[in-house]
Amino acid sequence: MSVGKRRKNLLKKRTWRSKKPDDGIDIFCTATPKQEPLEGKFLLKPARELSSKPPKDWDDNDLMPIVKLLAGRPYIDGRGDQF
């Protein structure tokens, strides 16, 4: 069986929808869309803090600064002095 056929069969077998509507997962986005990109330099400090720990040790206090920076942003500007 070719790789393409295996991948196609694998994707057919997966279900991406919740089987029960009351499964306890409520995911929705409340971010207000922003037209301006995020300046990449603002991600440096939070990214450094995350990279100093293994992912298993991350908690909400480590992740929320990045989540708040990225919320509603269409893209990250990494040009010029933004990196």
PDB file of N, CA and C in Angstrom:
ATOM      1  N   MET A   1       0.853  -1.170   0.000  1.00  0.00           N
ATOM      2  CA  MET A   1       0.000   0.000   0.000  1.00  0.00           C
ATOM      3  C   MET A   1       0.902   1.236   0.000  1.00  0.00           C
ATOM      4  N   SER A   2       0.579   2.199  -0.827  1.00  0.00           N
ATOM      5  CA  SER A   2       1.401   3.407  -0.910  1.00  0.00           C
ATOM      6  C   SER A   2       1.165   4.311   0.297  1.00  0.00           C
ATOM      7  N   VAL A   3       2.085   5.242   0.481  1.00  0.00           N
ATOM      8  CA  VAL A   3       1.981   6.174   1.607  1.00  0.00           C
ATOM      9  C   VAL A   3       0.707   6.998   1.495  1.00  0.00           C
ATOM     10  N   GLY A   4       0.376   7.432   0.282  1.00  0.00           N
ATOM     11  CA  GLY A   4      -0.829   8.237   0.082  1.00  0.00           C
ATOM     12  C   GLY A   4      -2.090   7.484   0.472  1.00  0.00           C
ATOM     13  N   LYS A   5      -2.175   6.199   0.103  1.00  0.00           N
ATOM     14  CA  LYS A   5      -3.358   5.404   0.444  1.00  0.00           C
ATOM     15  C   LYS A   5      -3.435   5.159   1.947  1.00  0.00           C
ATOM     16  N   ARG A   6      -2.279   4.906   2.574  1.00  0.00           N
ATOM     17  CA  ARG A   6      -2.284   4.697   4.022  1.00  0.00           C
ATOM     18  C   ARG A   6      -2.752   5.954   4.743  1.00  0.00           C
ATOM     19  N   ARG A   7      -2.259   7.100   4.307  1.00  0.00           N
ATOM     20  CA  ARG A   7      -2.654   8.364   4.942  1.00  0.00           C
ATOM     21  C   ARG A   7      -4.149   8.603   4.743  1.00  0.00           C
ATOM     22  N   LYS A   8      -4.637   8.339   3.548  1.00  0.00           N
ATOM     23  CA  LYS A   8      -6.059   8.535   3.258  1.00  0.00           C
ATOM     24  C   LYS A   8      -6.910   7.625   4.141  1.00  0.00           C
ATOM     25  N   ASN A   9      -6.508   6.376   4.277  1.00  0.00           N
ATOM     26  CA  ASN A   9      -7.250   5.439   5.125  1.00  0.00           C
ATOM     27  C   ASN A   9      -7.188   5.848   6.587  1.00  0.00           C
ATOM     28  N   LEU A  10      -6.037   6.331   7.022  1.00  0.00           N
ATOM     29  CA  LEU A  10      -5.886   6.770   8.402  1.00  0.00           C
ATOM     30  C   LEU A  10      -6.816   7.945   8.684  1.00  0.00           C
ATOM     31  N   LEU A  11      -6.878   8.893   7.764  1.00  0.00           N
ATOM     32  CA  LEU A  11      -7.744  10.052   7.956  1.00  0.00           C
ATOM     33  C   LEU A  11      -9.216   9.661   7.937  1.00  0.00           C
ATOM     34  N   LYS A  12      -9.571   8.646   7.164  1.00  0.00           N
ATOM     35  CA  LYS A  12     -10.959   8.179   7.145  1.00  0.00           C
ATOM     36  C   LYS A  12     -11.359   7.595   8.495  1.00  0.00           C
ATOM     37  N   LYS A  13     -10.430   6.917   9.147  1.00  0.00           N
ATOM     38  CA  LYS A  13     -10.732   6.247  10.408  1.00  0.00           C
ATOM     39  C   LYS A  13     -10.860   7.224  11.568  1.00  0.00           C
ATOM     40  N   ARG A  14     -10.187   8.346  11.472  1.00  0.00           N
ATOM     41  CA  ARG A  14     -10.226   9.316  12.568  1.00  0.00           C
ATOM     42  C   ARG A  14     -11.534  10.087  12.555  1.00  0.00           C
ATOM     43  N   THR A  15     -12.019  10.344  13.723  1.00  0.00           N
ATOM     44  CA  THR A  15     -13.192  11.203  13.839  1.00  0.00           C
ATOM     45  C   THR A  15     -12.761  12.464  14.566  1.00  0.00           C
ATOM     46  N   TRP A  16     -13.040  13.595  13.996  1.00  0.00           N
ATOM     47  CA  TRP A  16     -12.602  14.859  14.563  1.00  0.00           C
ATOM     48  C   TRP A  16     -13.697  15.509  15.387  1.00  0.00           C
ATOM     49  N   ARG A  17     -14.869  14.937  15.394  1.00  0.00           N
ATOM     50  CA  ARG A  17     -15.978  15.514  16.141  1.00  0.00           C
ATOM     51  C   ARG A  17     -16.176  14.767  17.448  1.00  0.00           C
ATOM     52  N   SER A  18     -16.693  15.468  18.386  1.00  0.00           N
ATOM     53  CA  SER A  18     -17.001  14.856  19.669  1.00  0.00           C
ATOM     54  C   SER A  18     -18.195  13.927  19.495  1.00  0.00           C
ATOM     55  N   LYS A  19     -18.129  12.777  20.100  1.00  0.00           N
ATOM     56  CA  LYS A  19     -19.235  11.830  19.977  1.00  0.00           C
ATOM     57  C   LYS A  19     -20.409  12.216  20.866  1.00  0.00           C
ATOM     58  N   LYS A  20     -20.115  12.910  21.950  1.00  0.00           N
ATOM     59  CA  LYS A  20     -21.177  13.319  22.865  1.00  0.00           C
ATOM     60  C   LYS A  20     -21.191  14.839  22.967  1.00  0.00           C
ATOM     61  N   PRO A  21     -22.341  15.461  22.864  1.00  0.00           N
ATOM     62  CA  PRO A  21     -22.373  16.921  22.986  1.00  0.00           C
ATOM     63  C   PRO A  21     -22.057  17.407  24.393  1.00  0.00           C
ATOM     64  N   ASP A  22     -22.170  16.557  25.380  1.00  0.00           N
ATOM     65  CA  ASP A  22     -21.908  16.959  26.764  1.00  0.00           C
ATOM     66  C   ASP A  22     -20.595  16.366  27.280  1.00  0.00           C
ATOM     67  N   ASP A  23     -19.578  16.333  26.418  1.00  0.00           N
ATOM     68  CA  ASP A  23     -18.316  15.716  26.809  1.00  0.00           C
ATOM     69  C   ASP A  23     -17.460  16.600  27.713  1.00  0.00           C
ATOM     70  N   GLY A  24     -17.946  17.790  28.052  1.00  0.00           N
ATOM     71  CA  GLY A  24     -17.231  18.653  28.974  1.00  0.00           C
ATOM     72  C   GLY A  24     -16.207  19.557  28.324  1.00  0.00           C
ATOM     73  N   ILE A  25     -16.102  19.527  27.007  1.00  0.00           N
ATOM     74  CA  ILE A  25     -15.137  20.368  26.314  1.00  0.00           C
ATOM     75  C   ILE A  25     -15.868  21.554  25.713  1.00  0.00           C
ATOM     76  N   ASP A  26     -15.543  22.726  26.195  1.00  0.00           N
ATOM     77  CA  ASP A  26     -16.110  23.957  25.658  1.00  0.00           C
ATOM     78  C   ASP A  26     -14.962  24.830  25.189  1.00  0.00           C
ATOM     79  N   ILE A  27     -14.745  24.867  23.893  1.00  0.00           N
ATOM     80  CA  ILE A  27     -13.667  25.661  23.337  1.00  0.00           C
ATOM     81  C   ILE A  27     -14.277  26.711  22.427  1.00  0.00           C
ATOM     82  N   PHE A  28     -13.963  27.951  22.708  1.00  0.00           N
ATOM     83  CA  PHE A  28     -14.404  29.031  21.846  1.00  0.00           C
ATOM     84  C   PHE A  28     -13.422  30.179  21.989  1.00  0.00           C
ATOM     85  N   CYS A  29     -13.395  31.030  20.999  1.00  0.00           N
ATOM     86  CA  CYS A  29     -12.454  32.144  20.987  1.00  0.00           C
ATOM     87  C   CYS A  29     -13.192  33.435  21.315  1.00  0.00           C
ATOM     88  N   THR A  30     -12.680  34.166  22.274  1.00  0.00           N
ATOM     89  CA  THR A  30     -13.285  35.440  22.649  1.00  0.00           C
ATOM     90  C   THR A  30     -12.373  36.609  22.296  1.00  0.00           C
ATOM     91  N   ALA A  31     -11.301  36.342  21.550  1.00  0.00           N
ATOM     92  CA  ALA A  31     -10.345  37.397  21.203  1.00  0.00           C
ATOM     93  C   ALA A  31     -10.962  38.364  20.207  1.00  0.00           C
ATOM     94  N   THR A  32     -10.716  39.637  20.422  1.00  0.00           N
ATOM     95  CA  THR A  32     -11.148  40.661  19.486  1.00  0.00           C
ATOM     96  C   THR A  32     -10.129  40.719  18.352  1.00  0.00           C
ATOM     97  N   PRO A  33     -10.583  40.588  17.101  1.00  0.00           N
ATOM     98  CA  PRO A  33      -9.630  40.638  15.980  1.00  0.00           C
ATOM     99  C   PRO A  33      -8.910  41.985  15.931  1.00  0.00           C
ATOM    100  N   LYS A  34      -7.624  41.924  15.706  1.00  0.00           N
ATOM    101  CA  LYS A  34      -6.802  43.128  15.590  1.00  0.00           C
ATOM    102  C   LYS A  34      -6.222  43.158  14.182  1.00  0.00           C
ATOM    103  N   GLN A  35      -6.233  44.286  13.550  1.00  0.00           N
ATOM    104  CA  GLN A  35      -5.739  44.397  12.177  1.00  0.00           C
ATOM    105  C   GLN A  35      -4.217  44.473  12.101  1.00  0.00           C
ATOM    106  N   GLU A  36      -3.588  45.008  13.132  1.00  0.00           N
ATOM    107  CA  GLU A  36      -2.138  45.175  13.089  1.00  0.00           C
ATOM    108  C   GLU A  36      -1.444  43.887  13.529  1.00  0.00           C
ATOM    109  N   PRO A  37      -0.280  43.609  12.942  1.00  0.00           N
ATOM    110  CA  PRO A  37       0.455  42.407  13.340  1.00  0.00           C
ATOM    111  C   PRO A  37       1.117  42.596  14.700  1.00  0.00           C
ATOM    112  N   LEU A  38       1.451  41.496  15.308  1.00  0.00           N
ATOM    113  CA  LEU A  38       2.196  41.527  16.564  1.00  0.00           C
ATOM    114  C   LEU A  38       3.668  41.756  16.239  1.00  0.00           C
ATOM    115  N   GLU A  39       4.289  42.693  16.905  1.00  0.00           N
ATOM    116  CA  GLU A  39       5.719  42.916  16.714  1.00  0.00           C
ATOM    117  C   GLU A  39       6.469  41.760  17.372  1.00  0.00           C
ATOM    118  N   GLY A  40       7.283  41.071  16.583  1.00  0.00           N
ATOM    119  CA  GLY A  40       7.974  39.881  17.045  1.00  0.00           C
ATOM    120  C   GLY A  40       8.824  40.074  18.281  1.00  0.00           C
ATOM    121  N   LYS A  41       9.344  41.283  18.471  1.00  0.00           N
ATOM    122  CA  LYS A  41      10.229  41.520  19.622  1.00  0.00           C
ATOM    123  C   LYS A  41       9.503  41.337  20.954  1.00  0.00           C
ATOM    124  N   PHE A  42       8.169  41.460  20.959  1.00  0.00           N
ATOM    125  CA  PHE A  42       7.421  41.287  22.206  1.00  0.00           C
ATOM    126  C   PHE A  42       7.321  39.820  22.634  1.00  0.00           C
ATOM    127  N   LEU A  43       7.603  38.907  21.716  1.00  0.00           N
ATOM    128  CA  LEU A  43       7.555  37.476  22.041  1.00  0.00           C
ATOM    129  C   LEU A  43       8.870  36.955  22.617  1.00  0.00           C
ATOM    130  N   LEU A  44       9.938  37.730  22.513  1.00  0.00           N
ATOM    131  CA  LEU A  44      11.250  37.223  22.918  1.00  0.00           C
ATOM    132  C   LEU A  44      11.314  36.821  24.384  1.00  0.00           C
ATOM    133  N   LYS A  45      10.895  37.692  25.278  1.00  0.00           N
ATOM    134  CA  LYS A  45      10.998  37.390  26.712  1.00  0.00           C
ATOM    135  C   LYS A  45      10.124  36.194  27.107  1.00  0.00           C
ATOM    136  N   PRO A  46       8.819  36.172  26.740  1.00  0.00           N
ATOM    137  CA  PRO A  46       8.014  35.001  27.121  1.00  0.00           C
ATOM    138  C   PRO A  46       8.519  33.702  26.487  1.00  0.00           C
ATOM    139  N   ALA A  47       9.027  33.784  25.256  1.00  0.00           N
ATOM    140  CA  ALA A  47       9.541  32.577  24.602  1.00  0.00           C
ATOM    141  C   ALA A  47      10.806  32.078  25.298  1.00  0.00           C
ATOM    142  N   ARG A  48      11.649  32.988  25.739  1.00  0.00           N
ATOM    143  CA  ARG A  48      12.855  32.591  26.482  1.00  0.00           C
ATOM    144  C   ARG A  48      12.490  31.899  27.786  1.00  0.00           C
ATOM    145  N   GLU A  49      11.492  32.441  28.476  1.00  0.00           N
ATOM    146  CA  GLU A  49      11.067  31.831  29.740  1.00  0.00           C
ATOM    147  C   GLU A  49      10.527  30.419  29.508  1.00  0.00           C
ATOM    148  N   LEU A  50       9.746  30.238  28.441  1.00  0.00           N
ATOM    149  CA  LEU A  50       9.231  28.899  28.139  1.00  0.00           C
ATOM    150  C   LEU A  50      10.350  27.942  27.769  1.00  0.00           C
ATOM    151  N   SER A  51      11.301  28.415  26.984  1.00  0.00           N
ATOM    152  CA  SER A  51      12.362  27.515  26.533  1.00  0.00           C
ATOM    153  C   SER A  51      13.313  27.115  27.660  1.00  0.00           C
ATOM    154  N   SER A  52      13.248  27.812  28.782  1.00  0.00           N
ATOM    155  CA  SER A  52      14.117  27.446  29.907  1.00  0.00           C
ATOM    156  C   SER A  52      13.560  26.273  30.714  1.00  0.00           C
ATOM    157  N   LYS A  53      12.315  25.861  30.424  1.00  0.00           N
ATOM    158  CA  LYS A  53      11.682  24.742  31.136  1.00  0.00           C
ATOM    159  C   LYS A  53      11.269  23.664  30.142  1.00  0.00           C
ATOM    160  N   PRO A  54      11.225  22.417  30.575  1.00  0.00           N
ATOM    161  CA  PRO A  54      10.657  21.387  29.703  1.00  0.00           C
ATOM    162  C   PRO A  54       9.132  21.573  29.618  1.00  0.00           C
ATOM    163  N   PRO A  55       8.519  21.238  28.481  1.00  0.00           N
ATOM    164  CA  PRO A  55       7.075  21.444  28.313  1.00  0.00           C
ATOM    165  C   PRO A  55       6.212  20.822  29.406  1.00  0.00           C
ATOM    166  N   LYS A  56       6.646  19.729  29.985  1.00  0.00           N
ATOM    167  CA  LYS A  56       5.823  19.094  31.022  1.00  0.00           C
ATOM    168  C   LYS A  56       5.706  19.963  32.274  1.00  0.00           C
ATOM    169  N   ASP A  57       6.631  20.919  32.443  1.00  0.00           N
ATOM    170  CA  ASP A  57       6.613  21.803  33.609  1.00  0.00           C
ATOM    171  C   ASP A  57       5.914  23.136  33.354  1.00  0.00           C
ATOM    172  N   TRP A  58       5.427  23.362  32.137  1.00  0.00           N
ATOM    173  CA  TRP A  58       4.733  24.610  31.832  1.00  0.00           C
ATOM    174  C   TRP A  58       3.391  24.637  32.542  1.00  0.00           C
ATOM    175  N   ASP A  59       2.998  25.802  32.996  1.00  0.00           N
ATOM    176  CA  ASP A  59       1.665  25.969  33.568  1.00  0.00           C
ATOM    177  C   ASP A  59       1.024  27.211  32.947  1.00  0.00           C
ATOM    178  N   ASP A  60      -0.171  27.554  33.398  1.00  0.00           N
ATOM    179  CA  ASP A  60      -0.883  28.697  32.819  1.00  0.00           C
ATOM    180  C   ASP A  60      -0.104  29.994  32.964  1.00  0.00           C
ATOM    181  N   ASN A  61       0.604  30.162  34.062  1.00  0.00           N
ATOM    182  CA  ASN A  61       1.380  31.391  34.259  1.00  0.00           C
ATOM    183  C   ASN A  61       2.499  31.531  33.238  1.00  0.00           C
ATOM    184  N   ASP A  62       2.990  30.414  32.723  1.00  0.00           N
ATOM    185  CA  ASP A  62       4.033  30.455  31.701  1.00  0.00           C
ATOM    186  C   ASP A  62       3.445  30.726  30.319  1.00  0.00           C
ATOM    187  N   LEU A  63       2.272  30.177  30.051  1.00  0.00           N
ATOM    188  CA  LEU A  63       1.684  30.255  28.717  1.00  0.00           C
ATOM    189  C   LEU A  63       0.830  31.494  28.464  1.00  0.00           C
ATOM    190  N   MET A  64       0.179  32.017  29.488  1.00  0.00           N
ATOM    191  CA  MET A  64      -0.762  33.117  29.282  1.00  0.00           C
ATOM    192  C   MET A  64      -0.142  34.384  28.698  1.00  0.00           C
ATOM    193  N   PRO A  65       1.099  34.764  29.023  1.00  0.00           N
ATOM    194  CA  PRO A  65       1.656  35.950  28.366  1.00  0.00           C
ATOM    195  C   PRO A  65       1.703  35.815  26.841  1.00  0.00           C
ATOM    196  N   ILE A  66       2.063  34.641  26.354  1.00  0.00           N
ATOM    197  CA  ILE A  66       2.109  34.428  24.905  1.00  0.00           C
ATOM    198  C   ILE A  66       0.698  34.368  24.332  1.00  0.00           C
ATOM    199  N   VAL A  67      -0.206  33.705  25.027  1.00  0.00           N
ATOM    200  CA  VAL A  67      -1.593  33.614  24.561  1.00  0.00           C
ATOM    201  C   VAL A  67      -2.198  35.005  24.437  1.00  0.00           C
ATOM    202  N   LYS A  68      -1.971  35.852  25.426  1.00  0.00           N
ATOM    203  CA  LYS A  68      -2.527  37.211  25.393  1.00  0.00           C
ATOM    204  C   LYS A  68      -1.913  38.039  24.271  1.00  0.00           C
ATOM    205  N   LEU A  69      -0.622  37.853  24.017  1.00  0.00           N
ATOM    206  CA  LEU A  69       0.019  38.588  22.928  1.00  0.00           C
ATOM    207  C   LEU A  69      -0.514  38.165  21.560  1.00  0.00           C
ATOM    208  N   LEU A  70      -0.753  36.877  21.382  1.00  0.00           N
ATOM    209  CA  LEU A  70      -1.172  36.357  20.080  1.00  0.00           C
ATOM    210  C   LEU A  70      -2.670  36.470  19.822  1.00  0.00           C
ATOM    211  N   ALA A  71      -3.452  36.671  20.841  1.00  0.00           N
ATOM    212  CA  ALA A  71      -4.914  36.670  20.703  1.00  0.00           C
ATOM    213  C   ALA A  71      -5.380  37.713  19.691  1.00  0.00           C
ATOM    214  N   GLY A  72      -6.075  37.249  18.667  1.00  0.00           N
ATOM    215  CA  GLY A  72      -6.671  38.125  17.676  1.00  0.00           C
ATOM    216  C   GLY A  72      -5.720  38.660  16.621  1.00  0.00           C
ATOM    217  N   ARG A  73      -4.464  38.282  16.670  1.00  0.00           N
ATOM    218  CA  ARG A  73      -3.485  38.809  15.712  1.00  0.00           C
ATOM    219  C   ARG A  73      -3.499  37.993  14.428  1.00  0.00           C
ATOM    220  N   PRO A  74      -3.467  38.667  13.274  1.00  0.00           N
ATOM    221  CA  PRO A  74      -3.468  37.927  12.014  1.00  0.00           C
ATOM    222  C   PRO A  74      -2.119  37.282  11.707  1.00  0.00           C
ATOM    223  N   TYR A  75      -1.031  37.901  12.160  1.00  0.00           N
ATOM    224  CA  TYR A  75       0.299  37.346  11.927  1.00  0.00           C
ATOM    225  C   TYR A  75       1.314  38.064  12.809  1.00  0.00           C
ATOM    226  N   ILE A  76       2.540  37.557  12.790  1.00  0.00           N
ATOM    227  CA  ILE A  76       3.627  38.143  13.573  1.00  0.00           C
ATOM    228  C   ILE A  76       4.589  38.825  12.609  1.00  0.00           C
ATOM    229  N   ASP A  77       4.936  40.062  12.893  1.00  0.00           N
ATOM    230  CA  ASP A  77       5.873  40.810  12.062  1.00  0.00           C
ATOM    231  C   ASP A  77       7.289  40.504  12.531  1.00  0.00           C
ATOM    232  N   GLY A  78       8.062  39.858  11.694  1.00  0.00           N
ATOM    233  CA  GLY A  78       9.433  39.505  12.050  1.00  0.00           C
ATOM    234  C   GLY A  78      10.453  40.245  11.210  1.00  0.00           C
ATOM    235  N   ARG A  79      10.060  41.348  10.589  1.00  0.00           N
ATOM    236  CA  ARG A  79      10.975  42.101   9.724  1.00  0.00           C
ATOM    237  C   ARG A  79      11.728  43.164  10.519  1.00  0.00           C
ATOM    238  N   GLY A  80      12.877  43.546   9.999  1.00  0.00           N
ATOM    239  CA  GLY A  80      13.639  44.658  10.566  1.00  0.00           C
ATOM    240  C   GLY A  80      14.035  44.435  12.008  1.00  0.00           C
ATOM    241  N   ASP A  81      13.727  45.420  12.856  1.00  0.00           N
ATOM    242  CA  ASP A  81      14.109  45.323  14.270  1.00  0.00           C
ATOM    243  C   ASP A  81      13.071  44.572  15.101  1.00  0.00           C
ATOM    244  N   GLN A  82      12.161  43.874  14.458  1.00  0.00           N
ATOM    245  CA  GLN A  82      11.079  43.178  15.155  1.00  0.00           C
ATOM    246  C   GLN A  82      11.466  41.798  15.660  1.00  0.00           C
ATOM    247  N   PHE A  83      12.644  41.322  15.304  1.00  0.00           N
ATOM    248  CA  PHE A  83      13.016  39.968  15.719  1.00  0.00           C
ATOM    249  C   PHE A  83      13.941  39.967  16.894  1.00  0.00           C
TER     250      PHE A  83
END
